[in-house]
Amino acid sequence: MKIAFLDDHPQLAETFAKMIRKSFPDAAIDCHGGWEDLEPVLVGMQYDILFLDMRLDDCLGAELIPAIREASPNTRIIVLSAFAQQDLLLKCRQKAVEEQCILAHVRMDAERDIGTGLSDLVEG
């Protein structure tokens, strides 16, 4: 299984990756800090799952979904949110529904629960 994270906070992405590795030790997991890092490898990697940060430095993560779909049509996209900004959540929820993606809100106060929740998302 090939999994990627696109998150502009590398430490957070690495932490999430470590959590998933506990449940899926054979998974190949890559972390990308921005679209400019992910785009060149996306076609070649054809990730099974992409965890996409809802709010990146230069755009909403959900705005990248069409380009991700074009480059890697079979990748399951999970848009992650750790913030409860209603306007952004609504915009991303609408985009996620249109693009048949999952929108998952992550509470940052319980590491064990986050790890379990991420693993559940990977399992589908």
N, C-alpha and C. Protein backbone atom coordinates (compact mmCIF):
# COMPACT_ATOMS: atom_id res chain seq x y z
N MET A 1 0.84 -1.17 0.00
CA MET A 1 0.00 0.00 0.00
C MET A 1 0.89 1.24 0.00
N LYS A 2 0.56 2.21 -0.84
CA LYS A 2 1.30 3.46 -0.93
C LYS A 2 0.41 4.59 -0.43
N ILE A 3 0.92 5.32 0.55
CA ILE A 3 0.18 6.40 1.20
C ILE A 3 1.02 7.66 1.15
N ALA A 4 0.37 8.80 0.92
CA ALA A 4 1.07 10.08 0.93
C ALA A 4 0.30 11.09 1.78
N PHE A 5 1.06 12.01 2.34
CA PHE A 5 0.49 13.16 3.04
C PHE A 5 0.93 14.41 2.30
N LEU A 6 -0.01 15.32 2.08
CA LEU A 6 0.31 16.64 1.56
C LEU A 6 -0.10 17.63 2.64
N ASP A 7 0.90 18.17 3.32
CA ASP A 7 0.64 19.05 4.46
C ASP A 7 1.78 20.05 4.55
N ASP A 8 1.47 21.31 4.74
CA ASP A 8 2.49 22.33 4.83
C ASP A 8 3.14 22.40 6.22
N HIS A 9 2.78 21.50 7.10
CA HIS A 9 3.42 21.36 8.41
C HIS A 9 4.10 19.99 8.45
N PRO A 10 5.37 19.91 8.05
CA PRO A 10 6.04 18.62 7.91
C PRO A 10 6.07 17.78 9.18
N GLN A 11 6.23 18.43 10.34
CA GLN A 11 6.27 17.67 11.58
C GLN A 11 4.93 16.97 11.84
N LEU A 12 3.85 17.64 11.53
CA LEU A 12 2.53 17.05 11.72
C LEU A 12 2.33 15.87 10.76
N ALA A 13 2.72 16.05 9.52
CA ALA A 13 2.59 14.95 8.55
C ALA A 13 3.43 13.76 8.98
N GLU A 14 4.65 13.99 9.44
CA GLU A 14 5.51 12.89 9.90
C GLU A 14 4.91 12.20 11.12
N THR A 15 4.31 12.97 12.00
CA THR A 15 3.66 12.38 13.18
C THR A 15 2.51 11.49 12.75
N PHE A 16 1.69 11.98 11.83
CA PHE A 16 0.58 11.16 11.32
C PHE A 16 1.11 9.91 10.63
N ALA A 17 2.18 10.06 9.86
CA ALA A 17 2.76 8.91 9.15
C ALA A 17 3.23 7.85 10.15
N LYS A 18 3.88 8.27 11.24
CA LYS A 18 4.33 7.33 12.27
C LYS A 18 3.15 6.59 12.88
N MET A 19 2.06 7.29 13.09
CA MET A 19 0.86 6.66 13.66
C MET A 19 0.33 5.57 12.73
N ILE A 20 0.31 5.88 11.46
CA ILE A 20 -0.20 4.90 10.49
C ILE A 20 0.75 3.71 10.36
N ARG A 21 2.06 3.98 10.42
CA ARG A 21 3.04 2.89 10.32
C ARG A 21 2.86 1.85 11.43
N LYS A 22 2.35 2.27 12.58
CA LYS A 22 2.12 1.33 13.68
C LYS A 22 1.09 0.28 13.29
N SER A 23 0.08 0.70 12.54
CA SER A 23 -0.98 -0.23 12.11
C SER A 23 -0.68 -0.89 10.78
N PHE A 24 0.11 -0.22 9.94
CA PHE A 24 0.41 -0.72 8.59
C PHE A 24 1.92 -0.65 8.35
N PRO A 25 2.69 -1.53 9.01
CA PRO A 25 4.15 -1.44 8.94
C PRO A 25 4.73 -1.66 7.54
N ASP A 26 4.00 -2.31 6.66
CA ASP A 26 4.50 -2.57 5.32
C ASP A 26 4.15 -1.47 4.32
N ALA A 27 3.39 -0.49 4.75
CA ALA A 27 2.97 0.59 3.85
C ALA A 27 4.15 1.50 3.54
N ALA A 28 4.22 1.93 2.30
CA ALA A 28 5.18 2.96 1.90
C ALA A 28 4.49 4.30 2.10
N ILE A 29 5.06 5.14 2.96
CA ILE A 29 4.41 6.40 3.30
C ILE A 29 5.36 7.55 3.00
N ASP A 30 4.88 8.50 2.19
CA ASP A 30 5.65 9.68 1.83
C ASP A 30 4.96 10.92 2.37
N CYS A 31 5.75 11.91 2.74
CA CYS A 31 5.21 13.19 3.19
C CYS A 31 5.72 14.29 2.27
N HIS A 32 4.79 15.11 1.81
CA HIS A 32 5.11 16.21 0.90
C HIS A 32 4.65 17.52 1.55
N GLY A 33 5.52 18.53 1.48
CA GLY A 33 5.22 19.80 2.14
C GLY A 33 4.42 20.78 1.31
N GLY A 34 4.26 20.50 0.04
CA GLY A 34 3.50 21.39 -0.82
C GLY A 34 3.22 20.74 -2.16
N TRP A 35 2.34 21.35 -2.92
CA TRP A 35 1.97 20.82 -4.23
C TRP A 35 3.19 20.69 -5.13
N GLU A 36 4.12 21.65 -5.01
CA GLU A 36 5.33 21.61 -5.85
C GLU A 36 6.19 20.38 -5.55
N ASP A 37 6.05 19.81 -4.36
CA ASP A 37 6.77 18.57 -4.02
C ASP A 37 6.02 17.33 -4.51
N LEU A 38 4.71 17.37 -4.41
CA LEU A 38 3.89 16.20 -4.76
C LEU A 38 3.69 16.05 -6.27
N GLU A 39 3.40 17.14 -6.94
CA GLU A 39 3.02 17.07 -8.35
C GLU A 39 3.99 16.28 -9.23
N PRO A 40 5.31 16.49 -9.11
CA PRO A 40 6.24 15.78 -10.02
C PRO A 40 6.26 14.26 -9.82
N VAL A 41 5.86 13.77 -8.65
CA VAL A 41 5.93 12.33 -8.39
C VAL A 41 4.58 11.63 -8.43
N LEU A 42 3.52 12.40 -8.52
CA LEU A 42 2.18 11.85 -8.39
C LEU A 42 1.84 10.81 -9.46
N VAL A 43 2.13 11.10 -10.70
CA VAL A 43 1.81 10.16 -11.78
C VAL A 43 2.59 8.86 -11.60
N GLY A 44 3.85 8.96 -11.29
CA GLY A 44 4.68 7.77 -11.14
C GLY A 44 4.34 6.94 -9.91
N MET A 45 3.96 7.59 -8.83
CA MET A 45 3.70 6.87 -7.58
C MET A 45 2.32 6.21 -7.55
N GLN A 46 1.33 6.88 -8.11
CA GLN A 46 -0.04 6.35 -8.08
C GLN A 46 -0.39 5.84 -6.68
N TYR A 47 -0.39 6.76 -5.73
CA TYR A 47 -0.68 6.42 -4.34
C TYR A 47 -2.07 5.78 -4.22
N ASP A 48 -2.18 4.86 -3.28
CA ASP A 48 -3.48 4.28 -2.97
C ASP A 48 -4.33 5.28 -2.20
N ILE A 49 -3.69 5.99 -1.28
CA ILE A 49 -4.38 6.96 -0.42
C ILE A 49 -3.54 8.22 -0.31
N LEU A 50 -4.20 9.36 -0.39
CA LEU A 50 -3.56 10.65 -0.19
C LEU A 50 -4.31 11.40 0.90
N PHE A 51 -3.63 11.69 1.99
CA PHE A 51 -4.18 12.56 3.03
C PHE A 51 -3.81 13.98 2.65
N LEU A 52 -4.81 14.81 2.46
CA LEU A 52 -4.64 16.16 1.94
C LEU A 52 -5.07 17.17 3.00
N ASP A 53 -4.14 18.02 3.41
CA ASP A 53 -4.45 19.05 4.40
C ASP A 53 -5.49 20.01 3.82
N MET A 54 -6.49 20.32 4.61
CA MET A 54 -7.56 21.20 4.15
C MET A 54 -7.05 22.60 3.84
N ARG A 55 -6.09 23.06 4.65
CA ARG A 55 -5.63 24.45 4.51
C ARG A 55 -4.12 24.44 4.33
N LEU A 56 -3.67 24.68 3.12
CA LEU A 56 -2.25 24.77 2.80
C LEU A 56 -1.83 26.24 2.79
N ASP A 57 -0.53 26.48 2.70
CA ASP A 57 -0.02 27.86 2.72
C ASP A 57 -0.62 28.73 1.62
N ASP A 58 -0.75 28.17 0.41
CA ASP A 58 -1.13 29.00 -0.72
C ASP A 58 -2.51 28.70 -1.30
N CYS A 59 -3.23 27.74 -0.72
CA CYS A 59 -4.57 27.44 -1.23
C CYS A 59 -5.30 26.51 -0.27
N LEU A 60 -6.57 26.28 -0.55
CA LEU A 60 -7.30 25.22 0.15
C LEU A 60 -6.90 23.90 -0.49
N GLY A 61 -6.64 22.91 0.34
CA GLY A 61 -6.26 21.61 -0.19
C GLY A 61 -7.29 21.07 -1.17
N ALA A 62 -8.55 21.31 -0.88
CA ALA A 62 -9.62 20.79 -1.73
C ALA A 62 -9.55 21.36 -3.15
N GLU A 63 -8.94 22.52 -3.31
CA GLU A 63 -8.81 23.10 -4.64
C GLU A 63 -7.86 22.30 -5.53
N LEU A 64 -7.03 21.46 -4.92
CA LEU A 64 -6.08 20.63 -5.68
C LEU A 64 -6.67 19.30 -6.12
N ILE A 65 -7.84 18.97 -5.63
CA ILE A 65 -8.43 17.66 -5.91
C ILE A 65 -8.55 17.38 -7.41
N PRO A 66 -9.05 18.30 -8.24
CA PRO A 66 -9.14 17.99 -9.67
C PRO A 66 -7.79 17.65 -10.30
N ALA A 67 -6.74 18.38 -9.94
CA ALA A 67 -5.41 18.10 -10.50
C ALA A 67 -4.88 16.75 -10.00
N ILE A 68 -5.17 16.43 -8.74
CA ILE A 68 -4.75 15.14 -8.19
C ILE A 68 -5.49 14.02 -8.91
N ARG A 69 -6.79 14.19 -9.11
CA ARG A 69 -7.60 13.19 -9.80
C ARG A 69 -7.10 12.96 -11.23
N GLU A 70 -6.72 14.05 -11.89
CA GLU A 70 -6.24 13.92 -13.27
C GLU A 70 -4.93 13.13 -13.32
N ALA A 71 -4.04 13.40 -12.39
CA ALA A 71 -2.73 12.74 -12.39
C ALA A 71 -2.78 11.32 -11.84
N SER A 72 -3.72 11.08 -10.93
CA SER A 72 -3.78 9.78 -10.24
C SER A 72 -5.24 9.43 -9.95
N PRO A 73 -5.97 9.02 -10.97
CA PRO A 73 -7.42 8.87 -10.85
C PRO A 73 -7.90 7.83 -9.83
N ASN A 74 -7.09 6.86 -9.49
CA ASN A 74 -7.54 5.82 -8.57
C ASN A 74 -7.13 6.06 -7.12
N THR A 75 -6.48 7.17 -6.87
CA THR A 75 -6.06 7.50 -5.51
C THR A 75 -7.27 7.93 -4.69
N ARG A 76 -7.41 7.30 -3.51
CA ARG A 76 -8.48 7.71 -2.58
C ARG A 76 -7.97 8.93 -1.82
N ILE A 77 -8.71 10.02 -1.88
CA ILE A 77 -8.29 11.28 -1.27
C ILE A 77 -9.09 11.50 0.01
N ILE A 78 -8.34 11.78 1.08
CA ILE A 78 -8.95 12.08 2.37
C ILE A 78 -8.48 13.47 2.77
N VAL A 79 -9.41 14.41 2.82
CA VAL A 79 -9.10 15.79 3.18
C VAL A 79 -9.15 15.88 4.71
N LEU A 80 -8.02 16.28 5.30
CA LEU A 80 -7.94 16.38 6.76
C LEU A 80 -8.06 17.82 7.22
N SER A 81 -8.78 17.99 8.31
CA SER A 81 -8.93 19.30 8.92
C SER A 81 -8.67 19.18 10.41
N ALA A 82 -7.84 20.07 10.92
CA ALA A 82 -7.63 20.13 12.37
C ALA A 82 -8.23 21.41 12.93
N PHE A 83 -8.82 22.20 12.08
CA PHE A 83 -9.39 23.48 12.49
C PHE A 83 -10.90 23.47 12.25
N ALA A 84 -11.58 24.21 13.06
CA ALA A 84 -13.03 24.21 12.97
C ALA A 84 -13.58 25.50 12.36
N GLN A 85 -12.89 26.06 11.38
CA GLN A 85 -13.39 27.24 10.70
C GLN A 85 -14.55 26.84 9.81
N GLN A 86 -15.73 27.23 10.19
CA GLN A 86 -16.94 26.78 9.52
C GLN A 86 -16.95 27.08 8.03
N ASP A 87 -16.51 28.29 7.63
CA ASP A 87 -16.56 28.64 6.21
C ASP A 87 -15.64 27.73 5.39
N LEU A 88 -14.45 27.45 5.91
CA LEU A 88 -13.53 26.57 5.19
C LEU A 88 -14.04 25.13 5.18
N LEU A 89 -14.59 24.71 6.31
CA LEU A 89 -15.13 23.35 6.37
C LEU A 89 -16.25 23.16 5.36
N LEU A 90 -17.13 24.15 5.26
CA LEU A 90 -18.25 24.05 4.31
C LEU A 90 -17.76 24.03 2.87
N LYS A 91 -16.80 24.88 2.56
CA LYS A 91 -16.26 24.92 1.20
C LYS A 91 -15.58 23.60 0.86
N CYS A 92 -14.78 23.08 1.79
CA CYS A 92 -14.09 21.81 1.54
C CYS A 92 -15.06 20.64 1.52
N ARG A 93 -16.08 20.68 2.36
CA ARG A 93 -17.07 19.61 2.36
C ARG A 93 -17.77 19.56 1.01
N GLN A 94 -18.15 20.72 0.49
CA GLN A 94 -18.82 20.76 -0.81
C GLN A 94 -17.91 20.20 -1.90
N LYS A 95 -16.64 20.61 -1.89
CA LYS A 95 -15.69 20.15 -2.90
C LYS A 95 -15.43 18.65 -2.74
N ALA A 96 -15.32 18.19 -1.50
CA ALA A 96 -15.09 16.77 -1.25
C ALA A 96 -16.27 15.93 -1.75
N VAL A 97 -17.47 16.39 -1.52
CA VAL A 97 -18.66 15.66 -2.00
C VAL A 97 -18.67 15.63 -3.52
N GLU A 98 -18.40 16.79 -4.15
CA GLU A 98 -18.38 16.85 -5.61
C GLU A 98 -17.36 15.89 -6.19
N GLU A 99 -16.22 15.75 -5.53
CA GLU A 99 -15.11 14.95 -6.05
C GLU A 99 -15.07 13.55 -5.45
N GLN A 100 -16.10 13.20 -4.67
CA GLN A 100 -16.20 11.88 -4.04
C GLN A 100 -14.98 11.58 -3.17
N CYS A 101 -14.68 12.51 -2.28
CA CYS A 101 -13.59 12.35 -1.33
C CYS A 101 -14.15 12.29 0.07
N ILE A 102 -13.30 11.98 1.01
CA ILE A 102 -13.69 11.94 2.41
C ILE A 102 -13.14 13.20 3.08
N LEU A 103 -13.95 13.86 3.89
CA LEU A 103 -13.50 14.99 4.70
C LEU A 103 -13.49 14.52 6.14
N ALA A 104 -12.33 14.55 6.78
CA ALA A 104 -12.19 14.06 8.15
C ALA A 104 -11.67 15.17 9.04
N HIS A 105 -12.36 15.42 10.14
CA HIS A 105 -11.91 16.41 11.12
C HIS A 105 -11.09 15.68 12.17
N VAL A 106 -9.88 16.18 12.42
CA VAL A 106 -8.97 15.57 13.37
C VAL A 106 -8.86 16.46 14.60
N ARG A 107 -9.18 15.89 15.76
CA ARG A 107 -8.99 16.63 17.02
C ARG A 107 -7.57 16.39 17.49
N MET A 108 -6.86 17.46 17.75
CA MET A 108 -5.44 17.37 18.04
C MET A 108 -5.12 17.10 19.51
N ASP A 109 -6.10 16.80 20.33
CA ASP A 109 -5.85 16.68 21.76
C ASP A 109 -5.74 15.24 22.26
N ALA A 110 -5.81 14.27 21.39
CA ALA A 110 -5.77 12.87 21.83
C ALA A 110 -5.00 12.03 20.82
N GLU A 111 -3.69 11.88 21.03
CA GLU A 111 -2.84 11.21 20.05
C GLU A 111 -3.30 9.79 19.74
N ARG A 112 -3.68 9.05 20.77
CA ARG A 112 -4.12 7.67 20.54
C ARG A 112 -5.35 7.64 19.66
N ASP A 113 -6.28 8.54 19.92
CA ASP A 113 -7.51 8.60 19.12
C ASP A 113 -7.21 9.01 17.67
N ILE A 114 -6.24 9.90 17.49
CA ILE A 114 -5.87 10.32 16.14
C ILE A 114 -5.31 9.14 15.37
N GLY A 115 -4.39 8.39 15.99
CA GLY A 115 -3.80 7.24 15.35
C GLY A 115 -4.84 6.21 14.96
N THR A 116 -5.78 5.95 15.85
CA THR A 116 -6.85 4.99 15.57
C THR A 116 -7.73 5.52 14.44
N GLY A 117 -8.06 6.80 14.49
CA GLY A 117 -8.90 7.37 13.46
C GLY A 117 -8.25 7.35 12.09
N LEU A 118 -6.96 7.66 12.02
CA LEU A 118 -6.25 7.63 10.73
C LEU A 118 -6.20 6.20 10.20
N SER A 119 -5.92 5.25 11.09
CA SER A 119 -5.86 3.84 10.66
C SER A 119 -7.21 3.38 10.15
N ASP A 120 -8.29 3.81 10.80
CA ASP A 120 -9.63 3.46 10.33
C ASP A 120 -9.89 4.02 8.94
N LEU A 121 -9.41 5.24 8.68
CA LEU A 121 -9.58 5.85 7.37
C LEU A 121 -8.81 5.09 6.31
N VAL A 122 -7.63 4.61 6.64
CA VAL A 122 -6.83 3.83 5.69
C VAL A 122 -7.54 2.53 5.35
N GLU A 123 -8.11 1.90 6.37
CA GLU A 123 -8.83 0.64 6.14
C GLU A 123 -10.08 0.83 5.30
N GLY A 124 -10.60 2.05 5.29
CA GLY A 124 -11.74 2.35 4.45
C GLY A 124 -13.00 2.14 5.14
